[in-house]
Structures are given as structure tokens and as C-alpha cells.
Amino acid sequence: MTLQQLRYVLTIAGTNSMNEAAKQLYISQPSLSAAVKELETEIDLKIFSRTSKGVVVTNEGMEFLAYARQIMSQVELLEERFLDNPNSKKKFGVSTQHYSFAVQAFVEMAKQFDMNDYEFAIRETRTADVMNDVRLGKSEIGVLYVNQFNENIMSKLFRDQHLIFTELFSCDAYVYLYKGHPLASQEVITMEDLEPYPCLSFEQGENNSFYFAEEILSTYEYKKTIKACDRATMLNLMVGLNGYTLCSGIISEELNGSDYVCVPLETEEEMRIGYVSRKGTPLSAIGELYVSELLKFKEKALKI
């Protein structure tokens, strides 16, 4: 097994095409196929399945590629540290539940670098995908929350996927709504107050379990509910339908504007915001800087 073979299979997985991967790697397709077959024979594992629609990674191949990404990320760190390669861009990715503060922290982190030298990525996505992106090495950090309800299940998932959860801060529960909402001026909102209005929550796809919900009180029997897939739609529904969502109360007016407010929810529920990273893989210098930007919201959480 060689680093070159690992680069080959990761490129194929990224393109889902032998032809396209061969072009990117500047080798012939027969040579690429032969190298992959040699690797699969050596490790006694089928990494790819060939179909009429292209190349598909097998379940066993997914696990192999996760370890391959970890190895190659460490190789990239070595090359960046000890080799003078002016054409090599440093890469850093974050996957997160739908938190505006996580995006704001990313913005503040990215401002400190010359974008010509870096390849950054941020993915607002579903809970399961946050963990999966980090497990597979697509993102270095995944931002999410745990609470008393989902902690046991989430902790097991972290262990099974070789992830570590690092808590950043905890915060009380808040109702997030449009400033023109009938309840926006209240000092505290109860669940009974919210009954006439639709509860908005982020759709979790095939993993639509209560434990994967991005909002607390996911098992509460709401009279009116609407699922959405992105924050922009969620904000539009707040304006158009007097909808609301339950959140940490840590919002970014710089990104979302001042047309929305957070009002304390009368509940003992608490959210513990943190991030997941790969077990045994230290954060890069960029990762550490991003975490430091996230921690700046701790003071804001305490002031709410």
C-alpha cells in the first residue's frame, strides 16, 4: 500500500468516475484501474463497485477511505510544514447544524487568511451528515449540540464513529421568531403560548429520529409543525406564517439582520454546544483558530 494508491482511490471517490479521476491524476485509465485492483487485492477488500452510472464506494470501502483521508491529511500537514510548495493550497472544512454563530465564527476565521492560499469549505447540513463528514475527513470539525435527552445516543454514535465531542459552552432554551410576531415582546414564552403558531424544525432526511433533531423538546406533541431544509426558508416562514423555532438564543445579527428576536422559553432544558473531531487526530492550526472564534460566543451565551 502506497500514498500514491491512497491518492488514487480518494480522487476516484471524489469524482465517482474512473475517467475523470484519471484526467485529474494525469495517468491513463488502464493504469489507474490496475493500481486500484492491486490495492484491493493487497488489502483483500473491494473499495469500489462499477455500475452503469459510474463508480460507487462500497460499505467496506467507506471505512477504508475514512482512514485514508486521515492519513492523507497528516501527509498534507507534513508537506505544508516541511516542503516549499507554493502551488499547494491549505484546506480546511467545517460541517455544522444550522447555527448562524458557527457561520459567523467561520467568517471571522477566514478573514485572517489570504484566500488565494487556502481552500475553505463550510457545510450547513443535517445532524447525521455533520458526524459523517468529520468521520470521512470531508470536514475537520463538526458543530452540534447535545442535551440530557439525546446525550446517551449521541455519545454512542460518537464512539462508534471514532469521534470525540468537545463541549464549548451551555445555554438555556430560547424561542426564535420574527420581531413582528405577537409573542415577540414577551419577557418569557411558555409552550402553551406557542400552541396557536407553527413550530419550525430542520428536516433530517432518512435519519429523522427525535435524537437527531436540531431543536430541543423534539418529542413534544406540537399541534402545528413545518419542516424546512435551510435557514433562509426558516426565516421566511417566521415572517409569513408567524412560525417559530427553539434554539440556543445565540444568533448573529451581522448575518441574519435585526428583524428577528430570541425570547427565553419557560423550560429547564439546556443545550450543550460543542464540536466533534476525529479521535486521535489533533486539530490543525486553522482548526484551533476556528474553535477560538466559536468560544467568543460563550460570553454572549452567558449574557443572554
Protein backbone atom coordinates (compact mmCIF):
# COMPACT_ATOMS: atom_id res chain seq x y z
CA MET A 1 0.00 0.00 0.00
CA THR A 2 1.43 3.36 -1.05
CA LEU A 3 0.49 7.01 -0.59
CA GLN A 4 0.06 7.21 -4.35
CA GLN A 5 -2.56 4.45 -4.23
CA LEU A 6 -4.39 6.27 -1.44
CA ARG A 7 -4.41 9.45 -3.54
CA TYR A 8 -5.80 7.43 -6.43
CA VAL A 9 -8.73 5.94 -4.53
CA LEU A 10 -9.59 9.25 -2.84
CA THR A 11 -9.66 11.00 -6.20
CA ILE A 12 -11.91 8.29 -7.65
CA ALA A 13 -14.25 8.57 -4.66
CA GLY A 14 -14.39 12.32 -5.11
CA THR A 15 -15.28 12.15 -8.80
CA ASN A 16 -17.28 8.87 -8.93
CA SER A 17 -15.61 8.31 -12.28
CA MET A 18 -12.52 6.42 -13.40
CA ASN A 19 -12.24 8.62 -16.49
CA GLU A 20 -12.43 11.90 -14.61
CA ALA A 21 -10.07 10.68 -11.86
CA ALA A 22 -7.53 9.57 -14.47
CA LYS A 23 -7.66 13.02 -16.08
CA GLN A 24 -7.12 14.76 -12.74
CA LEU A 25 -4.25 12.43 -11.86
CA TYR A 26 -2.66 12.70 -15.33
CA ILE A 27 -2.48 8.95 -15.86
CA SER A 28 -4.24 6.57 -18.20
CA GLN A 29 -7.45 4.90 -17.11
CA PRO A 30 -6.00 1.37 -17.54
CA SER A 31 -3.07 2.29 -15.28
CA LEU A 32 -5.44 3.73 -12.68
CA SER A 33 -7.70 0.66 -12.77
CA ALA A 34 -4.68 -1.61 -12.43
CA ALA A 35 -3.39 0.35 -9.40
CA VAL A 36 -6.79 0.14 -7.68
CA LYS A 37 -7.14 -3.56 -8.41
CA GLU A 38 -3.65 -4.17 -6.99
CA LEU A 39 -4.58 -2.29 -3.82
CA GLU A 40 -7.90 -4.12 -3.43
CA THR A 41 -6.08 -7.44 -3.84
CA GLU A 42 -3.43 -6.49 -1.28
CA ILE A 43 -5.94 -5.49 1.41
CA ASP A 44 -8.48 -8.16 0.40
CA LEU A 45 -11.28 -5.61 0.24
CA LYS A 46 -13.44 -4.29 -2.58
CA ILE A 47 -13.33 -0.50 -2.37
CA PHE A 48 -15.45 0.30 -5.41
CA SER A 49 -18.35 -1.20 -7.30
CA ARG A 50 -18.52 -0.41 -11.01
CA THR A 51 -22.01 0.39 -12.29
CA SER A 52 -23.50 1.79 -15.47
CA LYS A 53 -23.79 5.15 -13.70
CA GLY A 54 -20.18 5.26 -12.59
CA VAL A 55 -18.07 4.15 -9.65
CA VAL A 56 -19.72 3.65 -6.26
CA VAL A 57 -17.89 3.22 -2.96
CA THR A 58 -18.80 0.01 -1.11
CA ASN A 59 -19.70 -0.01 2.60
CA GLU A 60 -16.31 -1.54 3.42
CA GLY A 61 -14.70 0.97 1.10
CA MET A 62 -16.26 3.86 3.04
CA GLU A 63 -14.45 2.77 6.19
CA PHE A 64 -11.18 2.31 4.31
CA LEU A 65 -11.47 5.77 2.72
CA ALA A 66 -12.10 7.35 6.13
CA TYR A 67 -8.73 6.06 7.34
CA ALA A 68 -7.12 7.01 4.03
CA ARG A 69 -8.33 10.61 4.40
CA GLN A 70 -6.87 10.77 7.90
CA ILE A 71 -3.51 9.57 6.60
CA MET A 72 -3.50 11.97 3.67
CA SER A 73 -4.50 14.91 5.85
CA GLN A 74 -1.47 14.21 8.03
CA VAL A 75 0.71 13.94 4.92
CA GLU A 76 -0.58 17.32 3.75
CA LEU A 77 0.31 18.82 7.13
CA LEU A 78 3.84 17.42 6.81
CA GLU A 79 4.17 18.77 3.27
CA GLU A 80 2.89 22.20 4.31
CA ARG A 81 5.30 22.28 7.25
CA PHE A 82 8.45 20.95 5.67
CA LEU A 83 8.14 21.29 1.89
CA ASP A 84 8.21 24.53 -0.03
CA ASN A 85 5.29 24.05 -2.40
CA PRO A 86 3.89 27.43 -3.49
CA ASN A 87 1.14 25.80 -5.56
CA SER A 88 -0.32 23.81 -2.67
CA LYS A 89 -3.43 25.31 -1.06
CA LYS A 90 -4.11 24.59 2.60
CA LYS A 91 -7.55 23.06 3.11
CA PHE A 92 -9.99 23.40 5.99
CA GLY A 93 -13.63 22.40 6.26
CA VAL A 94 -16.41 22.70 8.84
CA SER A 95 -19.77 20.94 8.92
CA THR A 96 -22.42 22.31 11.23
CA GLN A 97 -26.02 22.15 12.25
CA HIS A 98 -27.90 25.28 11.20
CA TYR A 99 -26.21 27.78 13.50
CA SER A 100 -25.60 31.35 12.34
CA PHE A 101 -22.93 31.78 15.04
CA ALA A 102 -20.97 28.85 13.57
CA VAL A 103 -21.02 30.60 10.20
CA GLN A 104 -20.05 33.90 11.81
CA ALA A 105 -17.10 32.23 13.54
CA PHE A 106 -16.08 30.79 10.16
CA VAL A 107 -16.27 34.26 8.60
CA GLU A 108 -14.08 35.78 11.31
CA MET A 109 -11.58 32.93 10.99
CA ALA A 110 -11.40 33.19 7.18
CA LYS A 111 -10.81 36.94 7.31
CA GLN A 112 -7.44 36.27 8.90
CA PHE A 113 -6.07 34.46 5.86
CA ASP A 114 -5.19 35.22 2.27
CA MET A 115 -7.95 33.41 0.37
CA ASN A 116 -5.55 32.85 -2.51
CA ASP A 117 -3.58 30.43 -0.35
CA TYR A 118 -6.45 28.49 1.22
CA GLU A 119 -9.36 26.31 0.17
CA PHE A 120 -12.11 26.69 2.78
CA ALA A 121 -15.46 24.90 2.99
CA ILE A 122 -18.42 25.22 5.34
CA ARG A 123 -21.42 22.93 5.15
CA GLU A 124 -24.70 23.64 6.96
CA THR A 125 -26.27 20.22 6.97
CA ARG A 126 -28.19 17.53 8.83
CA THR A 127 -27.01 16.11 12.14
CA ALA A 128 -26.04 12.70 10.75
CA ASP A 129 -24.15 14.35 7.89
CA VAL A 130 -22.22 16.56 10.32
CA MET A 131 -20.84 13.45 12.01
CA ASN A 132 -20.35 11.59 8.74
CA ASP A 133 -18.43 14.48 7.14
CA VAL A 134 -15.98 14.51 10.05
CA ARG A 135 -15.69 10.72 10.14
CA LEU A 136 -14.86 10.62 6.43
CA GLY A 137 -12.45 13.53 6.63
CA LYS A 138 -14.53 15.90 4.48
CA SER A 139 -14.56 18.34 7.41
CA GLU A 140 -12.11 18.68 10.26
CA ILE A 141 -14.73 19.96 12.71
CA GLY A 142 -18.46 19.35 13.13
CA VAL A 143 -20.53 21.76 15.23
CA LEU A 144 -23.61 20.38 17.01
CA TYR A 145 -25.29 20.13 20.39
CA VAL A 146 -26.18 17.51 22.97
CA ASN A 147 -28.59 17.64 25.89
CA GLN A 148 -29.94 15.35 28.56
CA PHE A 149 -32.42 13.76 26.15
CA ASN A 150 -30.05 12.78 23.32
CA GLU A 151 -26.74 12.51 25.19
CA ASN A 152 -26.64 8.72 25.58
CA ILE A 153 -27.50 8.03 21.95
CA MET A 154 -25.17 10.69 20.61
CA SER A 155 -22.30 9.54 22.83
CA LYS A 156 -22.67 6.01 21.46
CA LEU A 157 -22.65 7.33 17.89
CA PHE A 158 -19.52 9.36 18.62
CA ARG A 159 -17.77 6.25 19.97
CA ASP A 160 -18.90 4.06 17.07
CA GLN A 161 -17.66 6.59 14.52
CA HIS A 162 -14.37 7.24 16.35
CA LEU A 163 -15.30 10.85 17.09
CA ILE A 164 -14.68 12.99 20.16
CA PHE A 165 -17.19 15.59 21.37
CA THR A 166 -15.68 18.69 22.97
CA GLU A 167 -18.13 20.94 24.79
CA LEU A 168 -17.67 24.68 24.26
CA PHE A 169 -20.47 26.17 26.34
CA SER A 170 -24.01 25.54 27.55
CA CYS A 171 -27.05 27.76 27.11
CA ASP A 172 -30.71 27.93 28.03
CA ALA A 173 -33.53 27.38 25.54
CA TYR A 174 -34.99 30.28 23.58
CA VAL A 175 -37.80 30.88 21.11
CA TYR A 176 -36.55 32.40 17.86
CA LEU A 177 -39.17 34.40 15.93
CA TYR A 178 -39.85 37.43 13.76
CA LYS A 179 -39.87 40.76 15.58
CA GLY A 180 -43.45 41.34 14.40
CA HIS A 181 -44.68 38.09 15.95
CA PRO A 182 -47.49 38.55 18.56
CA LEU A 183 -45.23 36.99 21.23
CA ALA A 184 -42.05 38.88 20.36
CA SER A 185 -42.45 41.47 23.12
CA GLN A 186 -42.97 38.98 25.95
CA GLU A 187 -40.25 38.56 28.55
CA VAL A 188 -40.79 34.78 28.74
CA ILE A 189 -42.71 32.40 26.48
CA THR A 190 -44.38 29.15 27.56
CA MET A 191 -45.19 26.12 25.41
CA GLU A 192 -48.87 26.94 25.91
CA ASP A 193 -48.27 30.42 24.46
CA LEU A 194 -46.82 28.80 21.34
CA GLU A 195 -49.71 26.41 20.59
CA PRO A 196 -51.50 28.67 18.04
CA TYR A 197 -48.34 29.03 15.93
CA PRO A 198 -46.44 26.56 13.72
CA CYS A 199 -43.24 25.09 15.12
CA LEU A 200 -40.45 25.11 12.53
CA SER A 201 -37.78 22.43 12.57
CA PHE A 202 -34.98 21.31 10.28
CA GLU A 203 -35.74 18.18 8.26
CA GLN A 204 -33.29 15.34 8.96
CA GLY A 205 -33.94 13.10 5.95
CA GLU A 206 -33.65 9.36 6.45
CA ASN A 207 -32.30 9.95 9.95
CA ASN A 208 -35.44 11.76 11.07
CA SER A 209 -35.13 10.48 14.63
CA PHE A 210 -36.01 12.53 17.70
CA TYR A 211 -32.38 12.13 18.75
CA PHE A 212 -31.09 13.83 15.58
CA ALA A 213 -33.35 16.87 15.88
CA GLU A 214 -31.55 20.22 15.95
CA GLU A 215 -34.21 21.65 18.23
CA ILE A 216 -34.83 20.72 21.86
CA LEU A 217 -38.16 19.25 23.04
CA SER A 218 -38.26 17.13 19.89
CA THR A 219 -40.75 14.67 21.45
CA TYR A 220 -43.25 17.37 22.42
CA GLU A 221 -46.58 16.94 20.63
CA TYR A 222 -46.86 20.14 18.66
CA LYS A 223 -50.24 20.97 17.16
CA LYS A 224 -48.70 22.65 14.12
CA THR A 225 -45.33 21.79 12.59
CA ILE A 226 -43.45 22.64 9.41
CA LYS A 227 -40.17 21.08 8.28
CA ALA A 228 -37.58 23.09 6.40
CA CYS A 229 -34.13 22.34 4.97
CA ASP A 230 -32.31 25.67 5.23
CA ARG A 231 -32.12 28.78 7.40
CA ALA A 232 -33.32 31.18 4.69
CA THR A 233 -36.58 29.27 4.29
CA MET A 234 -36.95 29.07 8.06
CA LEU A 235 -36.67 32.87 8.34
CA ASN A 236 -39.21 33.36 5.56
CA LEU A 237 -41.69 31.09 7.33
CA MET A 238 -41.24 33.09 10.52
CA VAL A 239 -42.29 36.23 8.69
CA GLY A 240 -45.04 34.78 6.51
CA LEU A 241 -46.69 32.35 8.94
CA ASN A 242 -45.69 33.63 12.40
CA GLY A 243 -43.67 30.45 12.79
CA TYR A 244 -41.04 29.94 15.44
CA THR A 245 -38.21 27.61 16.28
CA LEU A 246 -36.47 26.64 19.50
CA CYS A 247 -32.79 27.44 19.69
CA SER A 248 -29.78 28.34 21.81
CA GLY A 249 -30.52 32.06 21.66
CA ILE A 250 -27.08 32.77 20.20
CA ILE A 251 -27.79 34.50 16.91
CA SER A 252 -25.75 36.59 14.50
CA GLU A 253 -27.33 39.91 13.58
CA GLU A 254 -24.36 40.54 11.29
CA LEU A 255 -25.59 37.70 9.05
CA ASN A 256 -29.34 37.47 9.70
CA GLY A 257 -30.13 41.12 10.33
CA SER A 258 -32.10 42.63 13.22
CA ASP A 259 -35.58 41.55 12.15
CA TYR A 260 -35.61 38.52 14.45
CA VAL A 261 -35.55 38.16 18.23
CA CYS A 262 -34.91 35.50 20.84
CA VAL A 263 -37.21 35.23 23.85
CA PRO A 264 -36.48 32.90 26.81
CA LEU A 265 -38.54 29.70 26.85
CA GLU A 266 -40.00 28.60 30.18
CA THR A 267 -38.29 25.22 30.50
CA GLU A 268 -35.43 23.55 32.35
CA GLU A 269 -33.97 22.22 29.10
CA GLU A 270 -30.38 23.19 28.36
CA MET A 271 -28.28 22.89 25.22
CA ARG A 272 -24.57 21.99 25.34
CA ILE A 273 -22.91 23.37 22.23
CA GLY A 274 -19.68 21.76 21.10
CA TYR A 275 -17.82 20.18 18.23
CA VAL A 276 -16.82 16.72 17.08
CA SER A 277 -13.40 15.84 15.68
CA ARG A 278 -11.72 12.60 14.70
CA LYS A 279 -10.34 10.58 17.57
CA GLY A 280 -6.55 10.52 17.63
CA THR A 281 -6.23 13.38 15.14
CA PRO A 282 -5.16 16.72 16.64
CA LEU A 283 -6.74 19.88 15.32
CA SER A 284 -4.76 21.83 12.77
CA ALA A 285 -3.68 25.40 13.49
CA ILE A 286 -6.66 26.61 11.43
CA GLY A 287 -8.96 24.30 13.38
CA GLU A 288 -7.68 25.71 16.66
CA LEU A 289 -8.27 29.23 15.39
CA TYR A 290 -11.84 28.36 14.36
CA VAL A 291 -12.54 26.92 17.81
CA SER A 292 -11.20 30.10 19.40
CA GLU A 293 -13.69 32.08 17.30
CA LEU A 294 -16.50 29.79 18.42
CA LEU A 295 -15.52 30.32 22.04
CA LYS A 296 -16.07 34.05 21.66
CA PHE A 297 -19.78 33.25 21.63
CA LYS A 298 -19.51 31.73 25.11
CA GLU A 299 -19.61 35.17 26.68
CA LYS A 300 -22.66 36.01 24.57
CA ALA A 301 -24.36 32.82 25.75
CA LEU A 302 -23.74 33.75 29.38
CA LYS A 303 -25.14 37.25 28.90
CA ILE A 304 -28.44 36.13 27.41
